[in-house]
Amino acid sequence: MLTSFTHLFVSIAQIHFILHIFGIQLFLLFFLNFFNLKFLFSHGIWNLAILKGKSN
C-alpha cells in the first residue's frame, strides 16, 4: 500500500516537473539568457585552462 502510494506520488511529481519545465522554459530563456552565456563563457575558459594544464 505504502509503496504503491509512493510510486503514484513520484509519477505525479515527475509529470508536474515536466509540465513546469515546459511552462517556464520561455521565461528562463529571457530571464537567464545573460547569466547562462556568462556561465558558459567562464566554464569554457575553465575547461581550456584544465586542458592546457594537462598538456603541459
PDB file of N, CA and C in Angstrom:
ATOM      1  N   MET A   1       0.839  -1.207   0.000  1.00  0.00           N
ATOM      2  CA  MET A   1       0.000   0.000   0.000  1.00  0.00           C
ATOM      3  C   MET A   1       0.872   1.254   0.000  1.00  0.00           C
ATOM      4  N   LEU A   2       1.856   1.262   0.897  1.00  0.00           N
ATOM      5  CA  LEU A   2       2.723   2.429   1.020  1.00  0.00           C
ATOM      6  C   LEU A   2       3.602   2.592  -0.213  1.00  0.00           C
ATOM      7  N   THR A   3       4.115   1.463  -0.736  1.00  0.00           N
ATOM      8  CA  THR A   3       4.993   1.545  -1.905  1.00  0.00           C
ATOM      9  C   THR A   3       4.227   2.014  -3.135  1.00  0.00           C
ATOM     10  N   SER A   4       2.979   1.552  -3.291  1.00  0.00           N
ATOM     11  CA  SER A   4       2.180   1.968  -4.448  1.00  0.00           C
ATOM     12  C   SER A   4       1.833   3.454  -4.345  1.00  0.00           C
ATOM     13  N   PHE A   5       1.574   3.925  -3.132  1.00  0.00           N
ATOM     14  CA  PHE A   5       1.293   5.345  -2.929  1.00  0.00           C
ATOM     15  C   PHE A   5       2.525   6.186  -3.251  1.00  0.00           C
ATOM     16  N   THR A   6       3.691   5.708  -2.813  1.00  0.00           N
ATOM     17  CA  THR A   6       4.942   6.413  -3.094  1.00  0.00           C
ATOM     18  C   THR A   6       5.206   6.458  -4.589  1.00  0.00           C
ATOM     19  N   HIS A   7       4.946   5.332  -5.278  1.00  0.00           N
ATOM     20  CA  HIS A   7       5.153   5.272  -6.725  1.00  0.00           C
ATOM     21  C   HIS A   7       4.222   6.247  -7.439  1.00  0.00           C
ATOM     22  N   LEU A   8       2.965   6.307  -6.981  1.00  0.00           N
ATOM     23  CA  LEU A   8       1.997   7.233  -7.568  1.00  0.00           C
ATOM     24  C   LEU A   8       2.431   8.674  -7.342  1.00  0.00           C
ATOM     25  N   PHE A   9       2.905   8.961  -6.141  1.00  0.00           N
ATOM     26  CA  PHE A   9       3.360  10.313  -5.813  1.00  0.00           C
ATOM     27  C   PHE A   9       4.548  10.710  -6.678  1.00  0.00           C
ATOM     28  N   VAL A  10       5.489   9.789  -6.867  1.00  0.00           N
ATOM     29  CA  VAL A  10       6.667  10.061  -7.697  1.00  0.00           C
ATOM     30  C   VAL A  10       6.257  10.305  -9.141  1.00  0.00           C
ATOM     31  N   SER A  11       5.299   9.509  -9.643  1.00  0.00           N
ATOM     32  CA  SER A  11       4.834   9.688 -11.021  1.00  0.00           C
ATOM     33  C   SER A  11       4.183  11.057 -11.205  1.00  0.00           C
ATOM     34  N   ILE A  12       3.336  11.452 -10.257  1.00  0.00           N
ATOM     35  CA  ILE A  12       2.686  12.765 -10.328  1.00  0.00           C
ATOM     36  C   ILE A  12       3.733  13.869 -10.247  1.00  0.00           C
ATOM     37  N   ALA A  13       4.717  13.685  -9.382  1.00  0.00           N
ATOM     38  CA  ALA A  13       5.770  14.689  -9.230  1.00  0.00           C
ATOM     39  C   ALA A  13       6.576  14.833 -10.515  1.00  0.00           C
ATOM     40  N   GLN A  14       6.866  13.709 -11.175  1.00  0.00           N
ATOM     41  CA  GLN A  14       7.616  13.753 -12.428  1.00  0.00           C
ATOM     42  C   GLN A  14       6.825  14.475 -13.512  1.00  0.00           C
ATOM     43  N   ILE A  15       5.525  14.161 -13.627  1.00  0.00           N
ATOM     44  CA  ILE A  15       4.674  14.814 -14.632  1.00  0.00           C
ATOM     45  C   ILE A  15       4.596  16.314 -14.358  1.00  0.00           C
ATOM     46  N   HIS A  16       4.420  16.675 -13.086  1.00  0.00           N
ATOM     47  CA  HIS A  16       4.347  18.083 -12.712  1.00  0.00           C
ATOM     48  C   HIS A  16       5.654  18.784 -13.033  1.00  0.00           C
ATOM     49  N   PHE A  17       6.777  18.095 -12.783  1.00  0.00           N
ATOM     50  CA  PHE A  17       8.092  18.675 -13.056  1.00  0.00           C
ATOM     51  C   PHE A  17       8.271  18.931 -14.546  1.00  0.00           C
ATOM     52  N   ILE A  18       7.862  17.952 -15.377  1.00  0.00           N
ATOM     53  CA  ILE A  18       7.990  18.094 -16.833  1.00  0.00           C
ATOM     54  C   ILE A  18       7.128  19.258 -17.332  1.00  0.00           C
ATOM     55  N   LEU A  19       5.883  19.328 -16.840  1.00  0.00           N
ATOM     56  CA  LEU A  19       4.995  20.421 -17.249  1.00  0.00           C
ATOM     57  C   LEU A  19       5.551  21.762 -16.782  1.00  0.00           C
ATOM     58  N   HIS A  20       6.137  21.776 -15.590  1.00  0.00           N
ATOM     59  CA  HIS A  20       6.718  23.002 -15.055  1.00  0.00           C
ATOM     60  C   HIS A  20       7.888  23.451 -15.924  1.00  0.00           C
ATOM     61  N   ILE A  21       8.715  22.500 -16.357  1.00  0.00           N
ATOM     62  CA  ILE A  21       9.861  22.814 -17.217  1.00  0.00           C
ATOM     63  C   ILE A  21       9.378  23.420 -18.529  1.00  0.00           C
ATOM     64  N   PHE A  22       8.371  22.795 -19.154  1.00  0.00           N
ATOM     65  CA  PHE A  22       7.854  23.321 -20.420  1.00  0.00           C
ATOM     66  C   PHE A  22       7.215  24.694 -20.229  1.00  0.00           C
ATOM     67  N   GLY A  23       6.530  24.881 -19.104  1.00  0.00           N
ATOM     68  CA  GLY A  23       5.849  26.147 -18.862  1.00  0.00           C
ATOM     69  C   GLY A  23       6.807  27.299 -18.602  1.00  0.00           C
ATOM     70  N   ILE A  24       7.940  27.002 -17.945  1.00  0.00           N
ATOM     71  CA  ILE A  24       8.852  28.071 -17.531  1.00  0.00           C
ATOM     72  C   ILE A  24      10.009  28.240 -18.509  1.00  0.00           C
ATOM     73  N   GLN A  25      10.031  27.400 -19.553  1.00  0.00           N
ATOM     74  CA  GLN A  25      11.155  27.383 -20.489  1.00  0.00           C
ATOM     75  C   GLN A  25      11.374  28.746 -21.140  1.00  0.00           C
ATOM     76  N   LEU A  26      10.294  29.337 -21.657  1.00  0.00           N
ATOM     77  CA  LEU A  26      10.420  30.634 -22.323  1.00  0.00           C
ATOM     78  C   LEU A  26      10.850  31.716 -21.341  1.00  0.00           C
ATOM     79  N   PHE A  27      10.306  31.663 -20.123  1.00  0.00           N
ATOM     80  CA  PHE A  27      10.677  32.645 -19.103  1.00  0.00           C
ATOM     81  C   PHE A  27      12.168  32.553 -18.789  1.00  0.00           C
ATOM     82  N   LEU A  28      12.665  31.316 -18.635  1.00  0.00           N
ATOM     83  CA  LEU A  28      14.085  31.139 -18.359  1.00  0.00           C
ATOM     84  C   LEU A  28      14.926  31.613 -19.530  1.00  0.00           C
ATOM     85  N   LEU A  29      14.401  31.394 -20.746  1.00  0.00           N
ATOM     86  CA  LEU A  29      15.128  31.796 -21.945  1.00  0.00           C
ATOM     87  C   LEU A  29      15.433  33.291 -21.907  1.00  0.00           C
ATOM     88  N   PHE A  30      14.446  34.090 -21.485  1.00  0.00           N
ATOM     89  CA  PHE A  30      14.656  35.535 -21.429  1.00  0.00           C
ATOM     90  C   PHE A  30      15.360  35.958 -20.141  1.00  0.00           C
ATOM     91  N   PHE A  31      14.944  35.391 -19.012  1.00  0.00           N
ATOM     92  CA  PHE A  31      15.418  35.864 -17.707  1.00  0.00           C
ATOM     93  C   PHE A  31      16.861  35.465 -17.434  1.00  0.00           C
ATOM     94  N   LEU A  32      17.256  34.241 -17.853  1.00  0.00           N
ATOM     95  CA  LEU A  32      18.587  33.734 -17.523  1.00  0.00           C
ATOM     96  C   LEU A  32      19.536  33.732 -18.713  1.00  0.00           C
ATOM     97  N   ASN A  33      19.128  34.375 -19.815  1.00  0.00           N
ATOM     98  CA  ASN A  33      19.950  34.338 -21.017  1.00  0.00           C
ATOM     99  C   ASN A  33      21.348  34.891 -20.751  1.00  0.00           C
ATOM    100  N   PHE A  34      21.415  36.067 -20.134  1.00  0.00           N
ATOM    101  CA  PHE A  34      22.708  36.689 -19.863  1.00  0.00           C
ATOM    102  C   PHE A  34      23.520  35.844 -18.885  1.00  0.00           C
ATOM    103  N   PHE A  35      22.862  35.334 -17.832  1.00  0.00           N
ATOM    104  CA  PHE A  35      23.561  34.525 -16.834  1.00  0.00           C
ATOM    105  C   PHE A  35      24.100  33.244 -17.455  1.00  0.00           C
ATOM    106  N   ASN A  36      23.294  32.598 -18.316  1.00  0.00           N
ATOM    107  CA  ASN A  36      23.728  31.360 -18.954  1.00  0.00           C
ATOM    108  C   ASN A  36      24.920  31.600 -19.863  1.00  0.00           C
ATOM    109  N   LEU A  37      24.882  32.675 -20.641  1.00  0.00           N
ATOM    110  CA  LEU A  37      26.009  32.993 -21.520  1.00  0.00           C
ATOM    111  C   LEU A  37      27.263  33.260 -20.700  1.00  0.00           C
ATOM    112  N   LYS A  38      27.110  33.991 -19.591  1.00  0.00           N
ATOM    113  CA  LYS A  38      28.252  34.304 -18.739  1.00  0.00           C
ATOM    114  C   LYS A  38      28.817  33.025 -18.123  1.00  0.00           C
ATOM    115  N   PHE A  39      27.919  32.120 -17.700  1.00  0.00           N
ATOM    116  CA  PHE A  39      28.342  30.855 -17.099  1.00  0.00           C
ATOM    117  C   PHE A  39      29.058  29.979 -18.119  1.00  0.00           C
ATOM    118  N   LEU A  40      28.485  29.856 -19.333  1.00  0.00           N
ATOM    119  CA  LEU A  40      29.106  29.038 -20.373  1.00  0.00           C
ATOM    120  C   LEU A  40      30.458  29.611 -20.766  1.00  0.00           C
ATOM    121  N   PHE A  41      30.551  30.932 -20.822  1.00  0.00           N
ATOM    122  CA  PHE A  41      31.809  31.578 -21.194  1.00  0.00           C
ATOM    123  C   PHE A  41      32.895  31.271 -20.165  1.00  0.00           C
ATOM    124  N   SER A  42      32.578  31.470 -18.877  1.00  0.00           N
ATOM    125  CA  SER A  42      33.561  31.214 -17.822  1.00  0.00           C
ATOM    126  C   SER A  42      33.872  29.722 -17.727  1.00  0.00           C
ATOM    127  N   HIS A  43      32.849  28.872 -17.954  1.00  0.00           N
ATOM    128  CA  HIS A  43      33.044  27.430 -17.902  1.00  0.00           C
ATOM    129  C   HIS A  43      33.959  26.977 -19.035  1.00  0.00           C
ATOM    130  N   GLY A  44      33.785  27.564 -20.214  1.00  0.00           N
ATOM    131  CA  GLY A  44      34.633  27.230 -21.355  1.00  0.00           C
ATOM    132  C   GLY A  44      36.081  27.617 -21.101  1.00  0.00           C
ATOM    133  N   ILE A  45      36.280  28.802 -20.499  1.00  0.00           N
ATOM    134  CA  ILE A  45      37.637  29.238 -20.168  1.00  0.00           C
ATOM    135  C   ILE A  45      38.245  28.289 -19.142  1.00  0.00           C
ATOM    136  N   TRP A  46      37.443  27.837 -18.168  1.00  0.00           N
ATOM    137  CA  TRP A  46      37.917  26.907 -17.150  1.00  0.00           C
ATOM    138  C   TRP A  46      38.338  25.585 -17.783  1.00  0.00           C
ATOM    139  N   ASN A  47      37.550  25.082 -18.753  1.00  0.00           N
ATOM    140  CA  ASN A  47      37.900  23.841 -19.449  1.00  0.00           C
ATOM    141  C   ASN A  47      39.180  24.006 -20.248  1.00  0.00           C
ATOM    142  N   LEU A  48      39.343  25.148 -20.917  1.00  0.00           N
ATOM    143  CA  LEU A  48      40.565  25.402 -21.676  1.00  0.00           C
ATOM    144  C   LEU A  48      41.771  25.436 -20.746  1.00  0.00           C
ATOM    145  N   ALA A  49      41.607  26.026 -19.568  1.00  0.00           N
ATOM    146  CA  ALA A  49      42.706  26.083 -18.606  1.00  0.00           C
ATOM    147  C   ALA A  49      43.078  24.681 -18.134  1.00  0.00           C
ATOM    148  N   ILE A  50      42.080  23.820 -17.913  1.00  0.00           N
ATOM    149  CA  ILE A  50      42.343  22.441 -17.487  1.00  0.00           C
ATOM    150  C   ILE A  50      43.059  21.679 -18.594  1.00  0.00           C
ATOM    151  N   LEU A  51      42.594  21.830 -19.843  1.00  0.00           N
ATOM    152  CA  LEU A  51      43.233  21.137 -20.963  1.00  0.00           C
ATOM    153  C   LEU A  51      44.666  21.614 -21.153  1.00  0.00           C
ATOM    154  N   LYS A  52      44.888  22.904 -21.007  1.00  0.00           N
ATOM    155  CA  LYS A  52      46.229  23.460 -21.152  1.00  0.00           C
ATOM    156  C   LYS A  52      47.142  22.917 -20.051  1.00  0.00           C
ATOM    157  N   GLY A  53      46.591  22.810 -18.834  1.00  0.00           N
ATOM    158  CA  GLY A  53      47.374  22.276 -17.724  1.00  0.00           C
ATOM    159  C   GLY A  53      47.720  20.807 -17.935  1.00  0.00           C
ATOM    160  N   LYS A  54      46.794  20.027 -18.536  1.00  0.00           N
ATOM    161  CA  LYS A  54      47.056  18.611 -18.784  1.00  0.00           C
ATOM    162  C   LYS A  54      48.104  18.422 -19.873  1.00  0.00           C
ATOM    163  N   SER A  55      48.068  19.287 -20.894  1.00  0.00           N
ATOM    164  CA  SER A  55      49.021  19.148 -21.998  1.00  0.00           C
ATOM    165  C   SER A  55      50.430  19.508 -21.536  1.00  0.00           C
ATOM    166  N   ASN A  56      50.533  20.431 -20.569  1.00  0.00           N
ATOM    167  CA  ASN A  56      51.844  20.791 -20.035  1.00  0.00           C
ATOM    168  C   ASN A  56      52.192  19.836 -18.957  1.00  0.00           C
TER     169      ASN A  56
END
